């Protein structure tokens, strides 16, 4: 599973990742990467795939984000796989792009998965973030 390998992913071993990432920008501390969209067998497309890796060992934890498209994934569907979701962010009324986010408890590797739904399309999953902090 991708999240399992996320914990150990680094700038030094990125070429061994299951996806081919391309660096798009960087700053003093972090390299930012993206990769091609993926189509799953059920027709869902995984788009806007981004990866952030610290330039230093022991720096910021790896972070992977993506957006599922092609079908509406509801909060109820997400809860079937992650029943212990906790509300971690909510819209403050400034933009229809603001999100309501729910985060699953850390797994045994210390990784968290957050699921976000935008105000403009609140019934369908907009983005997923996996962090290994």
N, C-alpha and C. Protein backbone atom coordinates (compact mmCIF):
# COMPACT_ATOMS: atom_id res chain seq x y z
N UNK A 1 0.84 -1.18 0.00
CA UNK A 1 0.00 0.00 0.00
C UNK A 1 0.89 1.25 0.00
N UNK A 2 0.46 2.27 -0.71
CA UNK A 2 1.26 3.49 -0.84
C UNK A 2 1.53 4.13 0.51
N UNK A 3 0.53 4.19 1.38
CA UNK A 3 0.74 4.87 2.66
C UNK A 3 1.79 4.15 3.50
N UNK A 4 1.91 2.84 3.34
CA UNK A 4 2.91 2.10 4.10
C UNK A 4 4.31 2.52 3.67
N UNK A 5 4.52 2.73 2.38
CA UNK A 5 5.84 3.12 1.91
C UNK A 5 6.09 4.61 2.09
N UNK A 6 5.05 5.40 2.29
CA UNK A 6 5.20 6.85 2.47
C UNK A 6 6.11 7.15 3.66
N UNK A 7 5.96 6.41 4.72
CA UNK A 7 6.71 6.66 5.95
C UNK A 7 8.22 6.63 5.72
N UNK A 8 8.66 5.77 4.83
CA UNK A 8 10.10 5.62 4.60
C UNK A 8 10.59 6.32 3.34
N UNK A 9 9.69 6.99 2.63
CA UNK A 9 10.07 7.68 1.40
C UNK A 9 10.91 8.91 1.71
N UNK A 10 11.96 9.11 0.92
CA UNK A 10 12.83 10.27 1.11
C UNK A 10 13.34 10.75 -0.24
N UNK A 11 13.99 11.90 -0.24
CA UNK A 11 14.59 12.43 -1.46
C UNK A 11 15.60 11.43 -2.01
N UNK A 12 16.28 10.72 -1.13
CA UNK A 12 17.33 9.79 -1.54
C UNK A 12 16.79 8.52 -2.21
N UNK A 13 15.58 8.08 -1.83
CA UNK A 13 15.07 6.82 -2.39
C UNK A 13 13.80 6.99 -3.22
N UNK A 14 13.52 8.19 -3.67
CA UNK A 14 12.29 8.47 -4.41
C UNK A 14 12.18 7.63 -5.68
N UNK A 15 13.28 7.30 -6.31
CA UNK A 15 13.24 6.52 -7.55
C UNK A 15 12.66 5.12 -7.33
N UNK A 16 12.62 4.65 -6.09
CA UNK A 16 12.06 3.33 -5.78
C UNK A 16 10.56 3.39 -5.50
N UNK A 17 9.96 4.57 -5.53
CA UNK A 17 8.53 4.72 -5.26
C UNK A 17 7.71 4.02 -6.35
N UNK A 18 6.49 3.57 -6.00
CA UNK A 18 5.66 2.88 -6.99
C UNK A 18 5.15 3.80 -8.12
N UNK A 19 5.27 5.10 -7.96
CA UNK A 19 4.89 6.07 -9.00
C UNK A 19 6.12 6.86 -9.40
N UNK A 20 6.12 7.37 -10.62
CA UNK A 20 7.26 8.16 -11.10
C UNK A 20 6.99 9.64 -10.83
N UNK A 21 7.62 10.17 -9.80
CA UNK A 21 7.43 11.57 -9.40
C UNK A 21 8.43 12.48 -10.08
N UNK A 22 7.99 13.70 -10.37
CA UNK A 22 8.83 14.72 -11.00
C UNK A 22 8.84 15.95 -10.10
N UNK A 23 10.02 16.47 -9.77
CA UNK A 23 10.10 17.66 -8.93
C UNK A 23 9.58 18.87 -9.71
N UNK A 24 8.66 19.63 -9.08
CA UNK A 24 8.10 20.80 -9.74
C UNK A 24 8.57 22.10 -9.13
N UNK A 25 8.97 22.06 -7.84
CA UNK A 25 9.53 23.24 -7.19
C UNK A 25 10.18 22.81 -5.89
N UNK A 26 10.89 23.74 -5.26
CA UNK A 26 11.48 23.46 -3.96
C UNK A 26 11.67 24.76 -3.22
N UNK A 27 11.94 24.62 -1.93
CA UNK A 27 12.35 25.76 -1.12
C UNK A 27 13.55 25.30 -0.29
N UNK A 28 13.90 26.07 0.69
CA UNK A 28 15.08 25.76 1.49
C UNK A 28 14.99 24.39 2.18
N UNK A 29 13.77 23.96 2.50
CA UNK A 29 13.58 22.77 3.31
C UNK A 29 12.94 21.58 2.60
N UNK A 30 12.09 21.87 1.60
CA UNK A 30 11.23 20.83 1.04
C UNK A 30 11.29 20.81 -0.48
N UNK A 31 11.24 19.59 -1.05
CA UNK A 31 11.05 19.39 -2.48
C UNK A 31 9.59 19.04 -2.72
N UNK A 32 9.00 19.62 -3.76
CA UNK A 32 7.62 19.38 -4.13
C UNK A 32 7.59 18.61 -5.45
N UNK A 33 6.82 17.53 -5.48
CA UNK A 33 6.76 16.65 -6.65
C UNK A 33 5.31 16.45 -7.08
N UNK A 34 5.15 16.06 -8.35
CA UNK A 34 3.85 15.57 -8.80
C UNK A 34 4.09 14.39 -9.72
N UNK A 35 3.00 13.76 -10.13
CA UNK A 35 3.08 12.63 -11.05
C UNK A 35 1.83 12.60 -11.91
N UNK A 36 1.83 11.73 -12.89
CA UNK A 36 0.70 11.61 -13.81
C UNK A 36 -0.53 11.09 -13.07
N UNK A 37 -1.72 11.45 -13.58
CA UNK A 37 -2.97 10.94 -13.04
C UNK A 37 -3.03 9.43 -13.24
N UNK A 38 -3.83 8.78 -12.42
CA UNK A 38 -3.99 7.32 -12.47
C UNK A 38 -5.47 7.01 -12.61
N UNK A 39 -5.81 6.01 -13.43
CA UNK A 39 -7.19 5.54 -13.48
C UNK A 39 -7.26 4.17 -12.82
N UNK A 40 -8.18 4.04 -11.84
CA UNK A 40 -8.37 2.77 -11.15
C UNK A 40 -9.32 1.88 -11.94
N UNK A 41 -9.37 0.61 -11.61
CA UNK A 41 -10.19 -0.35 -12.33
C UNK A 41 -11.68 0.00 -12.29
N UNK A 42 -12.13 0.66 -11.21
CA UNK A 42 -13.56 1.01 -11.10
C UNK A 42 -13.92 2.30 -11.83
N UNK A 43 -12.96 2.89 -12.54
CA UNK A 43 -13.22 4.11 -13.29
C UNK A 43 -12.88 5.39 -12.54
N UNK A 44 -12.56 5.28 -11.27
CA UNK A 44 -12.16 6.46 -10.50
C UNK A 44 -10.80 6.94 -11.00
N UNK A 45 -10.67 8.24 -11.16
CA UNK A 45 -9.38 8.82 -11.53
C UNK A 45 -8.75 9.43 -10.28
N UNK A 46 -7.47 9.24 -10.12
CA UNK A 46 -6.71 9.86 -9.04
C UNK A 46 -5.92 10.98 -9.69
N UNK A 47 -6.26 12.23 -9.34
CA UNK A 47 -5.67 13.40 -10.00
C UNK A 47 -4.98 14.30 -8.98
N UNK A 48 -4.30 15.29 -9.48
CA UNK A 48 -3.62 16.28 -8.63
C UNK A 48 -2.76 15.60 -7.56
N UNK A 49 -2.01 14.60 -7.96
CA UNK A 49 -1.17 13.85 -7.02
C UNK A 49 0.07 14.69 -6.71
N UNK A 50 0.25 14.97 -5.43
CA UNK A 50 1.40 15.76 -5.00
C UNK A 50 2.12 15.09 -3.85
N UNK A 51 3.41 15.29 -3.79
CA UNK A 51 4.24 14.71 -2.74
C UNK A 51 5.21 15.77 -2.25
N UNK A 52 5.35 15.87 -0.93
CA UNK A 52 6.32 16.80 -0.32
C UNK A 52 7.30 15.98 0.51
N UNK A 53 8.59 16.20 0.23
CA UNK A 53 9.63 15.49 0.98
C UNK A 53 10.65 16.48 1.51
N UNK A 54 11.06 16.28 2.75
CA UNK A 54 12.10 17.10 3.36
C UNK A 54 13.43 16.84 2.67
N UNK A 55 14.22 17.88 2.53
CA UNK A 55 15.56 17.73 1.96
C UNK A 55 16.52 17.11 2.97
N UNK A 56 16.16 17.17 4.25
CA UNK A 56 17.04 16.66 5.30
C UNK A 56 16.44 15.44 5.97
N UNK A 57 17.27 14.49 6.30
CA UNK A 57 16.83 13.34 7.06
C UNK A 57 16.35 13.82 8.43
N UNK A 58 15.18 13.37 8.85
CA UNK A 58 14.64 13.80 10.13
C UNK A 58 13.93 15.14 10.07
N UNK A 59 13.78 15.71 8.87
CA UNK A 59 13.07 16.98 8.71
C UNK A 59 11.57 16.76 8.70
N UNK A 60 10.85 17.61 7.99
CA UNK A 60 9.40 17.50 7.91
C UNK A 60 9.00 16.12 7.40
N UNK A 61 7.90 15.61 7.95
CA UNK A 61 7.42 14.28 7.55
C UNK A 61 6.91 14.31 6.12
N UNK A 62 7.04 13.19 5.40
CA UNK A 62 6.49 13.12 4.04
C UNK A 62 4.98 13.35 4.05
N UNK A 63 4.49 13.94 2.96
CA UNK A 63 3.07 14.21 2.83
C UNK A 63 2.67 13.93 1.38
N UNK A 64 1.61 13.14 1.20
CA UNK A 64 1.09 12.80 -0.11
C UNK A 64 -0.35 13.28 -0.18
N UNK A 65 -0.71 13.97 -1.26
CA UNK A 65 -2.10 14.41 -1.43
C UNK A 65 -2.57 14.08 -2.84
N UNK A 66 -3.89 13.87 -2.96
CA UNK A 66 -4.48 13.59 -4.28
C UNK A 66 -5.97 13.85 -4.22
N UNK A 67 -6.59 13.90 -5.42
CA UNK A 67 -8.03 14.10 -5.53
C UNK A 67 -8.63 12.96 -6.35
N UNK A 68 -9.65 12.28 -5.79
CA UNK A 68 -10.36 11.27 -6.57
C UNK A 68 -11.44 11.95 -7.42
N UNK A 69 -11.55 11.59 -8.69
CA UNK A 69 -12.58 12.14 -9.56
C UNK A 69 -13.20 11.01 -10.37
N UNK A 70 -14.30 11.31 -11.04
CA UNK A 70 -14.95 10.32 -11.89
C UNK A 70 -16.17 9.70 -11.26
N UNK A 71 -16.26 9.75 -9.96
CA UNK A 71 -17.46 9.31 -9.25
C UNK A 71 -17.48 10.01 -7.90
N UNK A 72 -18.68 10.11 -7.33
CA UNK A 72 -18.84 10.79 -6.04
C UNK A 72 -18.60 9.79 -4.91
N UNK A 73 -17.59 10.05 -4.11
CA UNK A 73 -17.31 9.23 -2.93
C UNK A 73 -17.85 10.01 -1.74
N UNK A 74 -18.85 9.46 -1.09
CA UNK A 74 -19.53 10.16 0.01
C UNK A 74 -18.80 9.95 1.33
N UNK A 75 -19.15 10.78 2.30
CA UNK A 75 -18.60 10.63 3.65
C UNK A 75 -18.98 9.27 4.22
N UNK A 76 -20.20 8.81 3.97
CA UNK A 76 -20.62 7.49 4.46
C UNK A 76 -19.73 6.38 3.90
N UNK A 77 -19.35 6.50 2.64
CA UNK A 77 -18.46 5.51 2.03
C UNK A 77 -17.09 5.54 2.70
N UNK A 78 -16.57 6.74 2.94
CA UNK A 78 -15.28 6.87 3.62
C UNK A 78 -15.35 6.26 5.01
N UNK A 79 -16.46 6.52 5.72
CA UNK A 79 -16.61 6.01 7.09
C UNK A 79 -16.69 4.48 7.15
N UNK A 80 -17.10 3.85 6.06
CA UNK A 80 -17.13 2.38 6.03
C UNK A 80 -15.71 1.81 6.13
N UNK A 81 -14.75 2.55 5.61
CA UNK A 81 -13.34 2.12 5.64
C UNK A 81 -12.58 2.71 6.83
N UNK A 82 -13.04 3.86 7.29
CA UNK A 82 -12.39 4.58 8.40
C UNK A 82 -13.48 5.04 9.38
N UNK A 83 -13.99 4.12 10.22
CA UNK A 83 -15.13 4.45 11.08
C UNK A 83 -14.83 5.44 12.21
N UNK A 84 -13.58 5.67 12.54
CA UNK A 84 -13.26 6.53 13.68
C UNK A 84 -12.81 7.93 13.24
N UNK A 85 -13.40 8.47 12.20
CA UNK A 85 -13.02 9.80 11.72
C UNK A 85 -13.36 10.87 12.75
N UNK A 86 -12.49 11.88 12.81
CA UNK A 86 -12.68 13.02 13.70
C UNK A 86 -12.70 14.28 12.83
N UNK A 87 -13.62 15.19 13.11
CA UNK A 87 -13.67 16.47 12.40
C UNK A 87 -12.42 17.27 12.75
N UNK A 88 -11.64 17.67 11.73
CA UNK A 88 -10.39 18.38 12.00
C UNK A 88 -10.32 19.75 11.35
N UNK A 89 -11.25 20.08 10.46
CA UNK A 89 -11.30 21.41 9.86
C UNK A 89 -12.71 21.64 9.34
N UNK A 90 -13.11 22.89 9.30
CA UNK A 90 -14.45 23.22 8.82
C UNK A 90 -14.41 24.59 8.14
N UNK A 91 -15.35 24.83 7.22
CA UNK A 91 -15.39 26.11 6.51
C UNK A 91 -15.67 27.27 7.45
N UNK A 92 -15.09 28.41 7.14
CA UNK A 92 -15.30 29.61 7.95
C UNK A 92 -16.04 30.69 7.18
N UNK A 93 -16.59 30.31 6.01
CA UNK A 93 -17.44 31.22 5.26
C UNK A 93 -16.73 32.21 4.36
N UNK A 94 -15.47 32.00 4.08
CA UNK A 94 -14.72 32.95 3.24
C UNK A 94 -14.73 32.58 1.76
N UNK A 95 -14.94 31.29 1.45
CA UNK A 95 -14.86 30.84 0.06
C UNK A 95 -15.60 29.51 -0.08
N UNK A 96 -16.19 29.30 -1.25
CA UNK A 96 -16.84 28.01 -1.50
C UNK A 96 -15.82 26.89 -1.68
N UNK A 97 -14.54 27.24 -1.77
CA UNK A 97 -13.48 26.24 -1.87
C UNK A 97 -12.99 25.76 -0.50
N UNK A 98 -13.48 26.39 0.58
CA UNK A 98 -13.10 25.93 1.91
C UNK A 98 -13.63 24.52 2.13
N UNK A 99 -12.98 23.80 3.02
CA UNK A 99 -13.30 22.38 3.19
C UNK A 99 -13.71 22.02 4.61
N UNK A 100 -14.47 20.94 4.67
CA UNK A 100 -14.71 20.22 5.91
C UNK A 100 -13.82 18.99 5.83
N UNK A 101 -12.96 18.82 6.82
CA UNK A 101 -12.01 17.70 6.80
C UNK A 101 -12.22 16.78 7.98
N UNK A 102 -12.04 15.51 7.72
CA UNK A 102 -12.13 14.47 8.74
C UNK A 102 -10.83 13.68 8.68
N UNK A 103 -10.29 13.35 9.85
CA UNK A 103 -9.01 12.64 9.90
C UNK A 103 -9.17 11.34 10.67
N UNK A 104 -8.59 10.29 10.11
CA UNK A 104 -8.59 8.98 10.78
C UNK A 104 -7.47 8.97 11.81
N UNK A 105 -7.62 8.18 12.89
CA UNK A 105 -6.54 8.06 13.87
C UNK A 105 -5.27 7.54 13.20
N UNK A 106 -4.13 7.85 13.80
CA UNK A 106 -2.85 7.35 13.26
C UNK A 106 -2.88 5.83 13.20
N UNK A 107 -2.28 5.29 12.14
CA UNK A 107 -2.18 3.84 12.04
C UNK A 107 -0.95 3.37 12.82
N UNK A 108 -0.63 2.09 12.72
CA UNK A 108 0.48 1.55 13.51
C UNK A 108 1.83 2.11 13.08
N UNK A 109 1.89 2.73 11.90
CA UNK A 109 3.13 3.36 11.43
C UNK A 109 3.17 4.85 11.73
N UNK A 110 2.17 5.36 12.46
CA UNK A 110 2.14 6.77 12.80
C UNK A 110 1.66 7.67 11.68
N UNK A 111 0.98 7.08 10.69
CA UNK A 111 0.49 7.85 9.55
C UNK A 111 -0.97 8.20 9.74
N UNK A 112 -1.34 9.40 9.27
CA UNK A 112 -2.72 9.86 9.35
C UNK A 112 -3.26 10.07 7.94
N UNK A 113 -4.56 9.82 7.77
CA UNK A 113 -5.22 10.09 6.50
C UNK A 113 -6.35 11.07 6.77
N UNK A 114 -6.38 12.17 6.00
CA UNK A 114 -7.44 13.17 6.11
C UNK A 114 -8.24 13.21 4.82
N UNK A 115 -9.55 13.38 4.96
CA UNK A 115 -10.48 13.41 3.83
C UNK A 115 -11.19 14.75 3.85
N UNK A 116 -11.19 15.47 2.72
CA UNK A 116 -11.77 16.81 2.68
C UNK A 116 -12.90 16.91 1.66
N UNK A 117 -13.93 17.66 2.05
CA UNK A 117 -15.11 17.90 1.23
C UNK A 117 -15.29 19.41 1.12
N UNK A 118 -15.41 19.96 -0.11
CA UNK A 118 -15.54 21.41 -0.28
C UNK A 118 -16.96 21.87 -0.02
N UNK A 119 -17.09 23.17 0.30
CA UNK A 119 -18.41 23.77 0.48
C UNK A 119 -19.21 23.72 -0.81
N UNK A 120 -18.54 23.89 -1.96
CA UNK A 120 -19.29 23.93 -3.22
C UNK A 120 -19.78 22.55 -3.65
N UNK A 121 -19.19 21.49 -3.12
CA UNK A 121 -19.61 20.13 -3.44
C UNK A 121 -19.47 19.28 -2.18
N UNK A 122 -20.30 19.56 -1.16
CA UNK A 122 -20.10 18.98 0.17
C UNK A 122 -20.38 17.48 0.28
N UNK A 123 -21.07 16.89 -0.69
CA UNK A 123 -21.42 15.48 -0.59
C UNK A 123 -20.38 14.54 -1.19
N UNK A 124 -19.39 15.11 -1.91
CA UNK A 124 -18.41 14.27 -2.61
C UNK A 124 -16.99 14.58 -2.15
N UNK A 125 -16.23 13.54 -1.91
CA UNK A 125 -14.84 13.67 -1.49
C UNK A 125 -14.05 14.49 -2.51
N UNK A 126 -13.36 15.52 -2.03
CA UNK A 126 -12.57 16.39 -2.90
C UNK A 126 -11.09 16.03 -2.89
N UNK A 127 -10.55 15.74 -1.71
CA UNK A 127 -9.12 15.46 -1.64
C UNK A 127 -8.79 14.57 -0.44
N UNK A 128 -7.63 13.92 -0.56
CA UNK A 128 -7.12 13.04 0.49
C UNK A 128 -5.68 13.45 0.76
N UNK A 129 -5.31 13.50 2.04
CA UNK A 129 -3.94 13.80 2.42
C UNK A 129 -3.46 12.69 3.35
N UNK A 130 -2.32 12.11 3.03
CA UNK A 130 -1.69 11.11 3.89
C UNK A 130 -0.41 11.72 4.42
N UNK A 131 -0.30 11.80 5.75
CA UNK A 131 0.90 12.38 6.34
C UNK A 131 1.55 11.35 7.26
N UNK A 132 2.85 11.38 7.29
CA UNK A 132 3.60 10.39 8.06
C UNK A 132 4.30 11.05 9.24
N UNK A 133 3.58 11.91 9.94
CA UNK A 133 4.23 12.63 11.04
C UNK A 133 4.16 11.91 12.35
